[in-house]
PDB file of N, CA and C in Angstrom:
ATOM      1  N   MET A   1      61.080  -7.707  25.311  1.00  0.00           N
ATOM      2  CA  MET A   1      61.329  -8.862  26.348  1.00  0.00           C
ATOM      3  C   MET A   1      62.627  -9.394  26.551  1.00  0.00           C
ATOM      4  N   ALA A   2      62.894  -9.481  27.532  1.00  0.00           N
ATOM      5  CA  ALA A   2      64.656  -9.476  28.352  1.00  0.00           C
ATOM      6  C   ALA A   2      64.989 -10.542  28.298  1.00  0.00           C
ATOM      7  N   ARG A   3      66.018 -10.916  27.572  1.00  0.00           N
ATOM      8  CA  ARG A   3      66.706 -12.171  27.503  1.00  0.00           C
ATOM      9  C   ARG A   3      68.184 -12.741  28.508  1.00  0.00           C
ATOM     10  N   GLY A   4      68.124 -13.425  28.542  1.00  0.00           N
ATOM     11  CA  GLY A   4      69.750 -13.871  29.359  1.00  0.00           C
ATOM     12  C   GLY A   4      69.766 -13.355  30.801  1.00  0.00           C
ATOM     13  N   GLY A   5      71.036 -13.118  31.408  1.00  0.00           N
ATOM     14  CA  GLY A   5      71.220 -12.101  32.840  1.00  0.00           C
ATOM     15  C   GLY A   5      70.966 -13.723  33.441  1.00  0.00           C
ATOM     16  N   TYR A   6      70.755 -12.842  34.662  1.00  0.00           N
ATOM     17  CA  TYR A   6      70.287 -13.200  35.995  1.00  0.00           C
ATOM     18  C   TYR A   6      69.157 -14.280  35.920  1.00  0.00           C
ATOM     19  N   ARG A   7      69.127 -15.302  36.695  1.00  0.00           N
ATOM     20  CA  ARG A   7      67.807 -16.438  36.760  1.00  0.00           C
ATOM     21  C   ARG A   7      68.072 -16.756  38.359  1.00  0.00           C
ATOM     22  N   PRO A   8      67.081 -16.271  39.190  1.00  0.00           N
ATOM     23  CA  PRO A   8      67.339 -17.045  40.425  1.00  0.00           C
ATOM     24  C   PRO A   8      67.541 -18.773  40.497  1.00  0.00           C
ATOM     25  N   ASN A   9      67.768 -19.233  40.918  1.00  0.00           N
ATOM     26  CA  ASN A   9      68.073 -20.672  41.282  1.00  0.00           C
ATOM     27  C   ASN A   9      68.411 -21.450  40.409  1.00  0.00           C
ATOM     28  N   ALA A  10      68.859 -20.747  38.812  1.00  0.00           N
ATOM     29  CA  ALA A  10      69.252 -21.444  37.940  1.00  0.00           C
ATOM     30  C   ALA A  10      70.681 -21.793  37.926  1.00  0.00           C
ATOM     31  N   GLY A  11      71.208 -22.975  37.149  1.00  0.00           N
ATOM     32  CA  GLY A  11      72.646 -23.634  37.204  1.00  0.00           C
ATOM     33  C   GLY A  11      72.124 -24.898  37.973  1.00  0.00           C
ATOM     34  N   ARG A  12      73.736 -24.946  38.253  1.00  0.00           N
ATOM     35  CA  ARG A  12      73.672 -26.471  39.099  1.00  0.00           C
ATOM     36  C   ARG A  12      73.844 -25.978  40.725  1.00  0.00           C
ATOM     37  N   PRO A  13      73.354 -27.099  41.167  1.00  0.00           N
ATOM     38  CA  PRO A  13      73.517 -26.432  42.906  1.00  0.00           C
ATOM     39  C   PRO A  13      74.648 -26.579  43.758  1.00  0.00           C
ATOM     40  N   LYS A  14      74.936 -25.465  44.448  1.00  0.00           N
ATOM     41  CA  LYS A  14      76.255 -25.779  45.053  1.00  0.00           C
ATOM     42  C   LYS A  14      76.866 -27.045  45.442  1.00  0.00           C
ATOM     43  N   GLY A  15      77.905 -27.808  45.439  1.00  0.00           N
ATOM     44  CA  GLY A  15      78.327 -28.513  46.447  1.00  0.00           C
ATOM     45  C   GLY A  15      77.746 -30.034  45.271  1.00  0.00           C
ATOM     46  N   SER A  16      77.260 -29.775  44.544  1.00  0.00           N
ATOM     47  CA  SER A  16      76.456 -31.102  43.400  1.00  0.00           C
ATOM     48  C   SER A  16      77.918 -31.569  42.597  1.00  0.00           C
ATOM     49  N   THR A  17      78.406 -32.872  42.738  1.00  0.00           N
ATOM     50  CA  THR A  17      79.412 -33.263  41.637  1.00  0.00           C
ATOM     51  C   THR A  17      78.760 -34.792  41.784  1.00  0.00           C
ATOM     52  N   TRP A  18      79.635 -35.441  40.650  1.00  0.00           N
ATOM     53  CA  TRP A  18      79.626 -36.270  40.120  1.00  0.00           C
ATOM     54  C   TRP A  18      78.458 -36.749  39.578  1.00  0.00           C
ATOM     55  N   LYS A  19      77.831 -35.681  38.753  1.00  0.00           N
ATOM     56  CA  LYS A  19      76.445 -35.756  38.273  1.00  0.00           C
ATOM     57  C   LYS A  19      76.647 -37.121  36.922  1.00  0.00           C
ATOM     58  N   SER A  20      77.276 -37.230  36.737  1.00  0.00           N
ATOM     59  CA  SER A  20      76.952 -37.933  35.147  1.00  0.00           C
ATOM     60  C   SER A  20      77.070 -39.240  35.457  1.00  0.00           C
ATOM     61  N   LEU A  21      77.371 -40.065  36.884  1.00  0.00           N
ATOM     62  CA  LEU A  21      77.178 -41.577  37.276  1.00  0.00           C
ATOM     63  C   LEU A  21      76.137 -41.815  38.011  1.00  0.00           C
ATOM     64  N   PRO A  22      75.515 -43.356  37.884  1.00  0.00           N
ATOM     65  CA  PRO A  22      74.570 -43.630  38.309  1.00  0.00           C
ATOM     66  C   PRO A  22      74.627 -43.174  40.133  1.00  0.00           C
ATOM     67  N   PRO A  23      73.369 -43.162  40.663  1.00  0.00           N
ATOM     68  CA  PRO A  23      73.556 -42.858  42.032  1.00  0.00           C
ATOM     69  C   PRO A  23      74.186 -43.932  42.797  1.00  0.00           C
ATOM     70  N   GLY A  24      75.042 -43.517  43.715  1.00  0.00           N
ATOM     71  CA  GLY A  24      75.446 -44.777  44.711  1.00  0.00           C
ATOM     72  C   GLY A  24      76.853 -45.418  44.110  1.00  0.00           C
ATOM     73  N   THR A  25      77.098 -44.774  42.468  1.00  0.00           N
ATOM     74  CA  THR A  25      78.103 -45.631  42.369  1.00  0.00           C
ATOM     75  C   THR A  25      79.357 -45.110  43.151  1.00  0.00           C
ATOM     76  N   ARG A  26      79.713 -43.926  42.831  1.00  0.00           N
ATOM     77  CA  ARG A  26      80.749 -43.322  43.520  1.00  0.00           C
ATOM     78  C   ARG A  26      80.952 -43.703  44.740  1.00  0.00           C
ATOM     79  N   ALA A  27      79.985 -43.745  45.950  1.00  0.00           N
ATOM     80  CA  ALA A  27      79.871 -44.550  47.446  1.00  0.00           C
ATOM     81  C   ALA A  27      80.683 -45.883  47.345  1.00  0.00           C
ATOM     82  N   ILE A  28      80.201 -46.245  46.205  1.00  0.00           N
ATOM     83  CA  ILE A  28      80.561 -47.938  45.915  1.00  0.00           C
ATOM     84  C   ILE A  28      82.159 -47.650  45.565  1.00  0.00           C
ATOM     85  N   GLU A  29      82.698 -47.003  44.798  1.00  0.00           N
ATOM     86  CA  GLU A  29      83.644 -47.130  44.408  1.00  0.00           C
ATOM     87  C   GLU A  29      84.640 -46.707  45.417  1.00  0.00           C
ATOM     88  N   PHE A  30      84.415 -45.628  46.424  1.00  0.00           N
ATOM     89  CA  PHE A  30      85.226 -45.241  47.764  1.00  0.00           C
ATOM     90  C   PHE A  30      85.213 -46.216  49.046  1.00  0.00           C
ATOM     91  N   LYS A  31      84.371 -46.836  48.968  1.00  0.00           N
ATOM     92  CA  LYS A  31      84.367 -48.353  49.551  1.00  0.00           C
ATOM     93  C   LYS A  31      85.073 -49.246  49.226  1.00  0.00           C
ATOM     94  N   ALA A  32      85.580 -49.663  47.837  1.00  0.00           N
ATOM     95  CA  ALA A  32      86.128 -50.641  47.684  1.00  0.00           C
ATOM     96  C   ALA A  32      87.461 -50.197  47.724  1.00  0.00           C
ATOM     97  N   ILE A  33      87.828 -48.873  47.600  1.00  0.00           N
ATOM     98  CA  ILE A  33      88.934 -48.611  47.846  1.00  0.00           C
ATOM     99  C   ILE A  33      89.632 -48.933  49.197  1.00  0.00           C
ATOM    100  N   GLU A  34      88.414 -48.351  49.853  1.00  0.00           N
ATOM    101  CA  GLU A  34      88.981 -48.459  51.572  1.00  0.00           C
ATOM    102  C   GLU A  34      89.103 -50.298  51.828  1.00  0.00           C
ATOM    103  N   VAL A  35      88.378 -50.909  51.283  1.00  0.00           N
ATOM    104  CA  VAL A  35      88.408 -52.419  51.505  1.00  0.00           C
ATOM    105  C   VAL A  35      89.309 -52.855  50.994  1.00  0.00           C
ATOM    106  N   ALA A  36      89.569 -52.750  49.535  1.00  0.00           N
ATOM    107  CA  ALA A  36      90.772 -53.282  48.834  1.00  0.00           C
ATOM    108  C   ALA A  36      92.225 -52.907  49.547  1.00  0.00           C
ATOM    109  N   LYS A  37      92.506 -51.618  50.313  1.00  0.00           N
ATOM    110  CA  LYS A  37      93.873 -50.863  50.721  1.00  0.00           C
ATOM    111  C   LYS A  37      93.657 -51.953  52.421  1.00  0.00           C
ATOM    112  N   ALA A  38      92.685 -52.240  52.954  1.00  0.00           N
ATOM    113  CA  ALA A  38      92.707 -53.248  54.185  1.00  0.00           C
ATOM    114  C   ALA A  38      93.551 -54.790  53.491  1.00  0.00           C
ATOM    115  N   VAL A  39      92.785 -55.188  52.215  1.00  0.00           N
ATOM    116  CA  VAL A  39      93.317 -56.675  51.835  1.00  0.00           C
ATOM    117  C   VAL A  39      94.303 -56.442  50.712  1.00  0.00           C
ATOM    118  N   ASN A  40      95.014 -55.381  50.583  1.00  0.00           N
ATOM    119  CA  ASN A  40      96.348 -55.036  49.978  1.00  0.00           C
ATOM    120  C   ASN A  40      95.789 -55.942  47.976  1.00  0.00           C
ATOM    121  N   GLN A  41      94.807 -55.312  47.642  1.00  0.00           N
ATOM    122  CA  GLN A  41      94.263 -55.570  46.712  1.00  0.00           C
ATOM    123  C   GLN A  41      94.396 -53.902  45.616  1.00  0.00           C
ATOM    124  N   THR A  42      94.238 -53.724  44.429  1.00  0.00           N
ATOM    125  CA  THR A  42      93.682 -52.495  43.712  1.00  0.00           C
ATOM    126  C   THR A  42      91.984 -52.781  44.052  1.00  0.00           C
ATOM    127  N   PRO A  43      91.583 -51.364  43.866  1.00  0.00           N
ATOM    128  CA  PRO A  43      90.020 -51.494  44.080  1.00  0.00           C
ATOM    129  C   PRO A  43      89.932 -52.691  43.046  1.00  0.00           C
ATOM    130  N   LEU A  44      89.982 -52.214  41.901  1.00  0.00           N
ATOM    131  CA  LEU A  44      89.546 -52.877  40.456  1.00  0.00           C
ATOM    132  C   LEU A  44      89.360 -54.259  40.655  1.00  0.00           C
ATOM    133  N   GLU A  45      90.652 -55.040  41.408  1.00  0.00           N
ATOM    134  CA  GLU A  45      90.541 -56.583  41.699  1.00  0.00           C
ATOM    135  C   GLU A  45      89.381 -57.088  42.549  1.00  0.00           C
ATOM    136  N   TYR A  46      89.317 -56.383  43.937  1.00  0.00           N
ATOM    137  CA  TYR A  46      88.315 -56.322  44.977  1.00  0.00           C
ATOM    138  C   TYR A  46      87.033 -56.125  43.824  1.00  0.00           C
ATOM    139  N   MET A  47      86.989 -55.288  43.350  1.00  0.00           N
ATOM    140  CA  MET A  47      85.583 -54.780  42.679  1.00  0.00           C
ATOM    141  C   MET A  47      84.987 -56.675  41.686  1.00  0.00           C
ATOM    142  N   LEU A  48      86.294 -56.748  40.919  1.00  0.00           N
ATOM    143  CA  LEU A  48      86.013 -58.190  40.076  1.00  0.00           C
ATOM    144  C   LEU A  48      85.829 -59.372  40.907  1.00  0.00           C
ATOM    145  N   ALA A  49      86.368 -59.591  42.147  1.00  0.00           N
ATOM    146  CA  ALA A  49      86.131 -60.239  42.829  1.00  0.00           C
ATOM    147  C   ALA A  49      84.930 -60.572  43.653  1.00  0.00           C
ATOM    148  N   ILE A  50      84.207 -59.577  43.705  1.00  0.00           N
ATOM    149  CA  ILE A  50      83.002 -59.469  44.522  1.00  0.00           C
ATOM    150  C   ILE A  50      81.716 -60.147  42.923  1.00  0.00           C
ATOM    151  N   MET A  51      82.557 -59.451  41.955  1.00  0.00           N
ATOM    152  CA  MET A  51      81.371 -59.926  40.557  1.00  0.00           C
ATOM    153  C   MET A  51      81.606 -61.180  40.369  1.00  0.00           C
ATOM    154  N   ASN A  52      82.730 -61.861  40.594  1.00  0.00           N
ATOM    155  CA  ASN A  52      82.940 -63.029  40.252  1.00  0.00           C
ATOM    156  C   ASN A  52      82.471 -64.193  41.529  1.00  0.00           C
ATOM    157  N   ASP A  53      81.779 -63.658  42.235  1.00  0.00           N
ATOM    158  CA  ASP A  53      81.734 -64.338  43.633  1.00  0.00           C
ATOM    159  C   ASP A  53      79.863 -65.222  43.737  1.00  0.00           C
ATOM    160  N   PRO A  54      79.587 -66.354  43.450  1.00  0.00           N
ATOM    161  CA  PRO A  54      78.415 -66.606  43.012  1.00  0.00           C
ATOM    162  C   PRO A  54      77.575 -66.407  44.332  1.00  0.00           C
ATOM    163  N   ASN A  55      77.964 -66.604  45.444  1.00  0.00           N
ATOM    164  CA  ASN A  55      77.593 -66.166  46.524  1.00  0.00           C
ATOM    165  C   ASN A  55      77.272 -64.996  47.061  1.00  0.00           C
ATOM    166  N   ALA A  56      77.853 -63.693  46.499  1.00  0.00           N
ATOM    167  CA  ALA A  56      77.094 -61.939  46.806  1.00  0.00           C
ATOM    168  C   ALA A  56      76.023 -61.977  46.314  1.00  0.00           C
ATOM    169  N   ASP A  57      75.512 -61.355  46.915  1.00  0.00           N
ATOM    170  CA  ASP A  57      74.103 -60.796  46.471  1.00  0.00           C
ATOM    171  C   ASP A  57      74.010 -60.423  44.738  1.00  0.00           C
ATOM    172  N   PRO A  58      73.115 -60.745  44.342  1.00  0.00           N
ATOM    173  CA  PRO A  58      72.837 -60.034  42.953  1.00  0.00           C
ATOM    174  C   PRO A  58      72.719 -58.619  42.612  1.00  0.00           C
ATOM    175  N   THR A  59      72.241 -58.016  43.602  1.00  0.00           N
ATOM    176  CA  THR A  59      72.190 -56.877  43.113  1.00  0.00           C
ATOM    177  C   THR A  59      73.283 -56.002  43.669  1.00  0.00           C
ATOM    178  N   ARG A  60      74.013 -56.308  44.617  1.00  0.00           N
ATOM    179  CA  ARG A  60      75.282 -56.028  44.847  1.00  0.00           C
ATOM    180  C   ARG A  60      76.418 -56.377  43.827  1.00  0.00           C
ATOM    181  N   ARG A  61      76.240 -57.491  43.115  1.00  0.00           N
ATOM    182  CA  ARG A  61      77.267 -57.738  41.998  1.00  0.00           C
ATOM    183  C   ARG A  61      76.832 -56.626  40.853  1.00  0.00           C
ATOM    184  N   ASP A  62      75.749 -56.903  40.458  1.00  0.00           N
ATOM    185  CA  ASP A  62      75.667 -55.523  39.612  1.00  0.00           C
ATOM    186  C   ASP A  62      75.905 -54.264  39.412  1.00  0.00           C
ATOM    187  N   ARG A  63      75.612 -53.623  40.964  1.00  0.00           N
ATOM    188  CA  ARG A  63      76.170 -52.051  40.955  1.00  0.00           C
ATOM    189  C   ARG A  63      77.519 -52.527  41.178  1.00  0.00           C
ATOM    190  N   ILE A  64      78.208 -53.124  41.454  1.00  0.00           N
ATOM    191  CA  ILE A  64      79.874 -53.486  41.382  1.00  0.00           C
ATOM    192  C   ILE A  64      80.041 -53.217  39.680  1.00  0.00           C
ATOM    193  N   ALA A  65      79.481 -54.223  39.353  1.00  0.00           N
ATOM    194  CA  ALA A  65      79.818 -54.060  38.081  1.00  0.00           C
ATOM    195  C   ALA A  65      79.377 -52.924  37.053  1.00  0.00           C
ATOM    196  N   ASN A  66      78.767 -52.365  37.687  1.00  0.00           N
ATOM    197  CA  ASN A  66      78.272 -51.101  36.944  1.00  0.00           C
ATOM    198  C   ASN A  66      79.419 -49.902  37.337  1.00  0.00           C
ATOM    199  N   ALA A  67      79.990 -49.910  38.791  1.00  0.00           N
ATOM    200  CA  ALA A  67      81.172 -49.219  39.054  1.00  0.00           C
ATOM    201  C   ALA A  67      82.476 -49.190  38.307  1.00  0.00           C
ATOM    202  N   ALA A  68      82.745 -51.172  38.130  1.00  0.00           N
ATOM    203  CA  ALA A  68      84.295 -51.563  37.728  1.00  0.00           C
ATOM    204  C   ALA A  68      83.979 -51.260  35.929  1.00  0.00           C
ATOM    205  N   ALA A  69      82.716 -50.779  35.310  1.00  0.00           N
ATOM    206  CA  ALA A  69      82.703 -51.307  33.633  1.00  0.00           C
ATOM    207  C   ALA A  69      83.837 -49.825  33.343  1.00  0.00           C
ATOM    208  N   PRO A  70      83.786 -48.730  33.803  1.00  0.00           N
ATOM    209  CA  PRO A  70      84.525 -47.871  33.109  1.00  0.00           C
ATOM    210  C   PRO A  70      86.158 -48.173  33.310  1.00  0.00           C
ATOM    211  N   PHE A  71      86.610 -48.841  34.163  1.00  0.00           N
ATOM    212  CA  PHE A  71      87.814 -49.079  34.296  1.00  0.00           C
ATOM    213  C   PHE A  71      88.225 -50.399  32.881  1.00  0.00           C
ATOM    214  N   MET A  72      87.355 -50.841  33.088  1.00  0.00           N
ATOM    215  CA  MET A  72      87.469 -52.430  32.356  1.00  0.00           C
ATOM    216  C   MET A  72      87.440 -51.971  30.709  1.00  0.00           C
ATOM    217  N   HIS A  73      86.228 -51.095  30.229  1.00  0.00           N
ATOM    218  CA  HIS A  73      85.766 -51.006  28.839  1.00  0.00           C
ATOM    219  C   HIS A  73      85.897 -49.211  28.890  1.00  0.00           C
ATOM    220  N   GLY A  74      86.700 -49.017  27.827  1.00  0.00           N
ATOM    221  CA  GLY A  74      86.589 -47.460  27.517  1.00  0.00           C
ATOM    222  C   GLY A  74      85.819 -47.129  26.735  1.00  0.00           C
ATOM    223  N   TRP A  75      85.541 -45.769  26.417  1.00  0.00           N
ATOM    224  CA  TRP A  75      84.712 -45.337  25.449  1.00  0.00           C
ATOM    225  C   TRP A  75      85.606 -45.694  23.842  1.00  0.00           C
ATOM    226  N   PRO A  76      84.692 -46.022  22.815  1.00  0.00           N
ATOM    227  CA  PRO A  76      85.080 -46.346  21.442  1.00  0.00           C
ATOM    228  C   PRO A  76      85.782 -45.267  20.745  1.00  0.00           C
ATOM    229  N   ALA A  77      87.038 -45.250  20.534  1.00  0.00           N
ATOM    230  CA  ALA A  77      87.509 -43.867  20.000  1.00  0.00           C
ATOM    231  C   ALA A  77      87.744 -44.022  18.161  1.00  0.00           C
ATOM    232  N   GLY A  78      87.083 -43.174  17.983  1.00  0.00           N
ATOM    233  CA  GLY A  78      87.000 -42.774  16.384  1.00  0.00           C
ATOM    234  C   GLY A  78      85.740 -44.086  15.914  1.00  0.00           C
ATOM    235  N   VAL A  79      85.208 -44.324  16.197  1.00  0.00           N
ATOM    236  CA  VAL A  79      83.807 -45.291  16.027  1.00  0.00           C
ATOM    237  C   VAL A  79      83.325 -44.700  14.767  1.00  0.00           C
ATOM    238  N   ARG A  80      82.598 -43.425  15.198  1.00  0.00           N
ATOM    239  CA  ARG A  80      82.012 -42.835  13.898  1.00  0.00           C
ATOM    240  C   ARG A  80      82.355 -40.982  14.076  1.00  0.00           C
ATOM    241  N   PRO A  81      82.812 -40.548  13.354  1.00  0.00           N
ATOM    242  CA  PRO A  81      83.195 -39.228  13.301  1.00  0.00           C
ATOM    243  C   PRO A  81      82.309 -38.370  13.549  1.00  0.00           C
ATOM    244  N   GLY A  82      82.453 -37.286  14.324  1.00  0.00           N
ATOM    245  CA  GLY A  82      81.376 -36.087  14.515  1.00  0.00           C
ATOM    246  C   GLY A  82      81.935 -35.279  13.200  1.00  0.00           C
ATOM    247  N   LYS A  83      80.805 -34.210  13.561  1.00  0.00           N
ATOM    248  CA  LYS A  83      80.829 -33.205  12.679  1.00  0.00           C
ATOM    249  C   LYS A  83      82.469 -32.337  12.089  1.00  0.00           C
ATOM    250  N   LYS A  84      82.879 -32.092  13.277  1.00  0.00           N
ATOM    251  CA  LYS A  84      84.046 -31.282  13.515  1.00  0.00           C
ATOM    252  C   LYS A  84      85.092 -32.045  12.840  1.00  0.00           C
ATOM    253  N   GLU A  85      85.317 -33.644  13.009  1.00  0.00           N
ATOM    254  CA  GLU A  85      86.101 -34.466  12.332  1.00  0.00           C
ATOM    255  C   GLU A  85      85.480 -34.536  10.815  1.00  0.00           C
ATOM    256  N   LEU A  86      84.907 -35.093  10.620  1.00  0.00           N
ATOM    257  CA  LEU A  86      84.348 -34.961   8.999  1.00  0.00           C
ATOM    258  C   LEU A  86      84.459 -33.438   8.316  1.00  0.00           C
ATOM    259  N   ALA A  87      84.560 -32.146   9.081  1.00  0.00           N
ATOM    260  CA  ALA A  87      85.036 -31.155   7.991  1.00  0.00           C
ATOM    261  C   ALA A  87      86.305 -31.242   8.211  1.00  0.00           C
ATOM    262  N   ARG A  88      87.355 -31.514   9.324  1.00  0.00           N
ATOM    263  CA  ARG A  88      88.593 -31.543   9.170  1.00  0.00           C
ATOM    264  C   ARG A  88      89.193 -32.426   8.056  1.00  0.00           C
ATOM    265  N   GLN A  89      88.635 -33.940   7.676  1.00  0.00           N
ATOM    266  CA  GLN A  89      89.133 -34.575   6.722  1.00  0.00           C
ATOM    267  C   GLN A  89      88.663 -33.862   5.220  1.00  0.00           C
ATOM    268  N   GLY A  90      87.438 -33.315   5.290  1.00  0.00           N
ATOM    269  CA  GLY A  90      87.214 -32.548   4.087  1.00  0.00           C
ATOM    270  C   GLY A  90      87.563 -31.663   3.493  1.00  0.00           C
ATOM    271  N   ALA A  91      88.445 -31.162   4.860  1.00  0.00           N
ATOM    272  CA  ALA A  91      89.288 -29.534   4.628  1.00  0.00           C
ATOM    273  C   ALA A  91      91.097 -30.692   4.148  1.00  0.00           C
ATOM    274  N   LYS A  92      91.203 -31.208   4.702  1.00  0.00           N
ATOM    275  CA  LYS A  92      92.628 -32.051   4.072  1.00  0.00           C
ATOM    276  C   LYS A  92      92.306 -32.978   2.623  1.00  0.00           C
ATOM    277  N   THR A  93      91.156 -33.421   2.467  1.00  0.00           N
ATOM    278  CA  THR A  93      90.905 -33.641   1.089  1.00  0.00           C
ATOM    279  C   THR A  93      90.977 -32.538  -0.273  1.00  0.00           C
ATOM    280  N   ALA A  94      90.062 -31.525   0.093  1.00  0.00           N
ATOM    281  CA  ALA A  94      90.007 -30.343  -0.340  1.00  0.00           C
ATOM    282  C   ALA A  94      91.376 -29.374  -1.230  1.00  0.00           C
ATOM    283  N   ALA A  95      92.437 -29.691   0.607  1.00  0.00           N
ATOM    284  CA  ALA A  95      93.817 -29.044   0.199  1.00  0.00           C
ATOM    285  C   ALA A  95      94.824 -29.797  -0.804  1.00  0.00           C
ATOM    286  N   SER A  96      94.381 -31.384  -0.686  1.00  0.00           N
ATOM    287  CA  SER A  96      95.129 -31.727  -1.623  1.00  0.00           C
ATOM    288  C   SER A  96      95.100 -31.977  -2.743  1.00  0.00           C
ATOM    289  N   GLY A  97      93.353 -31.710  -3.295  1.00  0.00           N
ATOM    290  CA  GLY A  97      93.121 -31.973  -4.743  1.00  0.00           C
ATOM    291  C   GLY A  97      92.272 -33.380  -4.610  1.00  0.00           C
ATOM    292  N   LEU A  98      92.284 -33.920  -3.790  1.00  0.00           N
ATOM    293  CA  LEU A  98      91.411 -35.282  -3.963  1.00  0.00           C
ATOM    294  C   LEU A  98      89.685 -35.334  -4.075  1.00  0.00           C
ATOM    295  N   GLY A  99      89.679 -33.967  -3.393  1.00  0.00           N
ATOM    296  CA  GLY A  99      88.405 -34.051  -3.264  1.00  0.00           C
ATOM    297  C   GLY A  99      87.828 -33.063  -3.883  1.00  0.00           C
TER     298      GLY A  99
END
């Protein structure tokens, strides 16, 4: 039984990008950049203005919030160490004679 090697149509399709974002998020960010340049704001300021506008369409506000969230809230760093970090910590304590 053969394993590995070339398989037709396997892998990511050519030209595909931004797969980790929800559909349409990247287009919203590009549009925000264009409009923000026209009104002399940063794209984040423009998105926050739309989010805080009570007259804006709720669906639009939700999509803008989704696009702006990565700029406002980063990933938590060091909340829970992974396997490699735990191994490094164990090696440090073993080397120092504490473990």
